[in-house]
Amino acid sequence: MGRTNLAALKFFALLFLLPGLGGLVFSAMVSTDYLENLPKSPAPIEQRMTPRNVHGTVIFQTVEEDTRLSVMEYSSVGVFLVGLLLGIVYLEKWSTVRQFEVESDLLEEIEV
């Protein structure tokens, strides 16, 4: 695998890792905001009947809020895991290329 392919692999790993991590941080901020602002008991008038456990405290939210936050959390985890997998592949390929270069340099020194 050439250096160009390694650079592309590194680029795509970061392309998935960073937005995935950002999405996870944003999801945590939304959860914390829900914890502070949403009711701790069901509020049928506001249609806040769907429970969610946030840091050990049960809050009640609407179905739309629950769906939105769940999609945000799961998609962020998915994107982050794709980036993590690409990063692991990149590191494995990089170490193989680096080891080959070191061995080539040693062979050249021995021949001289």
C-alpha atoms as a PDB file:
ATOM      1  CA  MET A   1       0.000   0.000   0.000  1.00  0.00           C
ATOM      2  CA  GLY A   2       1.467   3.304  -1.111  1.00  0.00           C
ATOM      3  CA  ARG A   3       1.696   6.539   0.780  1.00  0.00           C
ATOM      4  CA  THR A   4      -1.147   8.024  -1.274  1.00  0.00           C
ATOM      5  CA  ASN A   5      -3.495   5.218  -0.226  1.00  0.00           C
ATOM      6  CA  LEU A   6      -2.387   5.618   3.386  1.00  0.00           C
ATOM      7  CA  ALA A   7      -3.097   9.345   3.256  1.00  0.00           C
ATOM      8  CA  ALA A   8      -6.570   8.684   1.840  1.00  0.00           C
ATOM      9  CA  LEU A   9      -7.257   6.055   4.509  1.00  0.00           C
ATOM     10  CA  LYS A  10      -6.133   8.472   7.232  1.00  0.00           C
ATOM     11  CA  PHE A  11      -8.320  11.219   5.745  1.00  0.00           C
ATOM     12  CA  PHE A  12     -11.426   9.021   5.723  1.00  0.00           C
ATOM     13  CA  ALA A  13     -10.733   7.746   9.234  1.00  0.00           C
ATOM     14  CA  LEU A  14     -10.643  11.321  10.503  1.00  0.00           C
ATOM     15  CA  LEU A  15     -13.608  12.236   8.298  1.00  0.00           C
ATOM     16  CA  PHE A  16     -15.725   9.742  10.242  1.00  0.00           C
ATOM     17  CA  LEU A  17     -14.077   9.931  13.677  1.00  0.00           C
ATOM     18  CA  LEU A  18     -14.356  13.653  14.253  1.00  0.00           C
ATOM     19  CA  PRO A  19     -18.027  14.149  13.260  1.00  0.00           C
ATOM     20  CA  GLY A  20     -18.948  10.989  15.169  1.00  0.00           C
ATOM     21  CA  LEU A  21     -17.234  12.294  18.264  1.00  0.00           C
ATOM     22  CA  GLY A  22     -18.825  15.706  17.773  1.00  0.00           C
ATOM     23  CA  GLY A  23     -22.239  14.083  17.472  1.00  0.00           C
ATOM     24  CA  LEU A  24     -21.681  12.162  20.690  1.00  0.00           C
ATOM     25  CA  VAL A  25     -20.702  15.340  22.515  1.00  0.00           C
ATOM     26  CA  PHE A  26     -23.723  17.163  21.100  1.00  0.00           C
ATOM     27  CA  SER A  27     -26.017  14.271  22.123  1.00  0.00           C
ATOM     28  CA  ALA A  28     -24.621  14.460  25.651  1.00  0.00           C
ATOM     29  CA  MET A  29     -25.307  18.195  25.726  1.00  0.00           C
ATOM     30  CA  VAL A  30     -28.900  17.642  24.571  1.00  0.00           C
ATOM     31  CA  SER A  31     -29.383  14.926  27.206  1.00  0.00           C
ATOM     32  CA  THR A  32     -28.078  17.256  29.902  1.00  0.00           C
ATOM     33  CA  ASP A  33     -30.382  20.003  28.655  1.00  0.00           C
ATOM     34  CA  TYR A  34     -33.311  17.568  28.780  1.00  0.00           C
ATOM     35  CA  LEU A  35     -32.331  16.633  32.335  1.00  0.00           C
ATOM     36  CA  GLU A  36     -32.422  20.265  33.422  1.00  0.00           C
ATOM     37  CA  ASN A  37     -35.534  21.386  31.545  1.00  0.00           C
ATOM     38  CA  LEU A  38     -37.927  18.471  31.109  1.00  0.00           C
ATOM     39  CA  PRO A  39     -40.363  17.281  33.800  1.00  0.00           C
ATOM     40  CA  LYS A  40     -39.466  14.465  36.197  1.00  0.00           C
ATOM     41  CA  SER A  41     -43.052  13.181  36.162  1.00  0.00           C
ATOM     42  CA  PRO A  42     -45.437  12.562  33.251  1.00  0.00           C
ATOM     43  CA  ALA A  43     -47.088  15.682  31.824  1.00  0.00           C
ATOM     44  CA  PRO A  44     -50.034  14.510  29.697  1.00  0.00           C
ATOM     45  CA  ILE A  45     -51.060  18.053  28.770  1.00  0.00           C
ATOM     46  CA  GLU A  46     -47.650  18.616  27.116  1.00  0.00           C
ATOM     47  CA  GLN A  47     -47.648  15.027  25.730  1.00  0.00           C
ATOM     48  CA  ARG A  48     -44.501  14.287  27.748  1.00  0.00           C
ATOM     49  CA  MET A  49     -45.241  10.663  28.556  1.00  0.00           C
ATOM     50  CA  THR A  50     -42.162   8.878  27.171  1.00  0.00           C
ATOM     51  CA  PRO A  51     -39.611   8.128  29.923  1.00  0.00           C
ATOM     52  CA  ARG A  52     -35.845   8.416  29.459  1.00  0.00           C
ATOM     53  CA  ASN A  53     -33.163   7.698  32.015  1.00  0.00           C
ATOM     54  CA  VAL A  54     -30.530  10.450  32.011  1.00  0.00           C
ATOM     55  CA  HIS A  55     -27.716   9.955  34.518  1.00  0.00           C
ATOM     56  CA  GLY A  56     -29.958   7.952  36.844  1.00  0.00           C
ATOM     57  CA  THR A  57     -32.847  10.427  36.741  1.00  0.00           C
ATOM     58  CA  VAL A  58     -36.007   9.607  34.800  1.00  0.00           C
ATOM     59  CA  ILE A  59     -37.357  12.458  32.727  1.00  0.00           C
ATOM     60  CA  PHE A  60     -40.435  12.502  30.527  1.00  0.00           C
ATOM     61  CA  GLN A  61     -40.372  13.697  26.944  1.00  0.00           C
ATOM     62  CA  THR A  62     -42.499  13.616  23.825  1.00  0.00           C
ATOM     63  CA  VAL A  63     -42.216  10.781  21.308  1.00  0.00           C
ATOM     64  CA  GLU A  64     -40.609  13.164  18.800  1.00  0.00           C
ATOM     65  CA  GLU A  65     -37.947  14.276  21.299  1.00  0.00           C
ATOM     66  CA  ASP A  66     -37.231  10.658  22.175  1.00  0.00           C
ATOM     67  CA  THR A  67     -36.924   9.639  18.519  1.00  0.00           C
ATOM     68  CA  ARG A  68     -34.749  12.632  17.625  1.00  0.00           C
ATOM     69  CA  LEU A  69     -32.315  12.054  20.479  1.00  0.00           C
ATOM     70  CA  SER A  70     -32.156   8.286  19.900  1.00  0.00           C
ATOM     71  CA  VAL A  71     -31.425   8.726  16.178  1.00  0.00           C
ATOM     72  CA  MET A  72     -28.767  11.310  17.016  1.00  0.00           C
ATOM     73  CA  GLU A  73     -27.084   9.019  19.554  1.00  0.00           C
ATOM     74  CA  TYR A  74     -27.174   5.859  17.426  1.00  0.00           C
ATOM     75  CA  SER A  75     -26.033   7.549  14.220  1.00  0.00           C
ATOM     76  CA  SER A  76     -23.175   9.294  16.064  1.00  0.00           C
ATOM     77  CA  VAL A  77     -22.034   5.983  17.530  1.00  0.00           C
ATOM     78  CA  GLY A  78     -22.237   4.352  14.098  1.00  0.00           C
ATOM     79  CA  VAL A  79     -20.228   7.093  12.386  1.00  0.00           C
ATOM     80  CA  PHE A  80     -17.648   7.054  15.198  1.00  0.00           C
ATOM     81  CA  LEU A  81     -17.267   3.264  14.981  1.00  0.00           C
ATOM     82  CA  VAL A  82     -16.732   3.411  11.207  1.00  0.00           C
ATOM     83  CA  GLY A  83     -14.020   6.012  11.787  1.00  0.00           C
ATOM     84  CA  LEU A  84     -12.490   3.916  14.549  1.00  0.00           C
ATOM     85  CA  LEU A  85     -12.394   0.856  12.301  1.00  0.00           C
ATOM     86  CA  LEU A  86     -10.807   2.847   9.485  1.00  0.00           C
ATOM     87  CA  GLY A  87      -8.286   4.273  11.974  1.00  0.00           C
ATOM     88  CA  ILE A  88      -7.328   0.797  13.147  1.00  0.00           C
ATOM     89  CA  VAL A  89      -6.897  -0.366   9.544  1.00  0.00           C
ATOM     90  CA  TYR A  90      -4.817   2.733   8.828  1.00  0.00           C
ATOM     91  CA  LEU A  91      -2.527   2.100  11.801  1.00  0.00           C
ATOM     92  CA  GLU A  92      -2.071  -1.543  10.822  1.00  0.00           C
ATOM     93  CA  LYS A  93      -1.213  -0.643   7.217  1.00  0.00           C
ATOM     94  CA  TRP A  94       1.038   2.218   8.331  1.00  0.00           C
ATOM     95  CA  SER A  95       2.985  -0.035  10.671  1.00  0.00           C
ATOM     96  CA  THR A  96       3.417  -2.627   7.912  1.00  0.00           C
ATOM     97  CA  VAL A  97       4.711  -0.006   5.456  1.00  0.00           C
ATOM     98  CA  ARG A  98       6.991   1.482   8.117  1.00  0.00           C
ATOM     99  CA  GLN A  99       8.394  -1.924   9.049  1.00  0.00           C
ATOM    100  CA  PHE A 100       9.104  -2.653   5.373  1.00  0.00           C
ATOM    101  CA  GLU A 101      10.922   0.695   5.015  1.00  0.00           C
ATOM    102  CA  VAL A 102      13.048   0.044   8.101  1.00  0.00           C
ATOM    103  CA  GLU A 103      13.972  -3.440   6.886  1.00  0.00           C
ATOM    104  CA  SER A 104      14.828  -2.056   3.423  1.00  0.00           C
ATOM    105  CA  ASP A 105      17.074   0.594   4.990  1.00  0.00           C
ATOM    106  CA  LEU A 106      18.842  -2.056   7.077  1.00  0.00           C
ATOM    107  CA  LEU A 107      19.409  -4.252   4.025  1.00  0.00           C
ATOM    108  CA  GLU A 108      20.852  -1.288   2.098  1.00  0.00           C
ATOM    109  CA  GLU A 109      23.251  -0.521   4.979  1.00  0.00           C
ATOM    110  CA  ILE A 110      24.400  -4.151   5.131  1.00  0.00           C
ATOM    111  CA  GLU A 111      25.048  -4.244   1.366  1.00  0.00           C
ATOM    112  CA  VAL A 112      27.203  -1.105   1.525  1.00  0.00           C
END
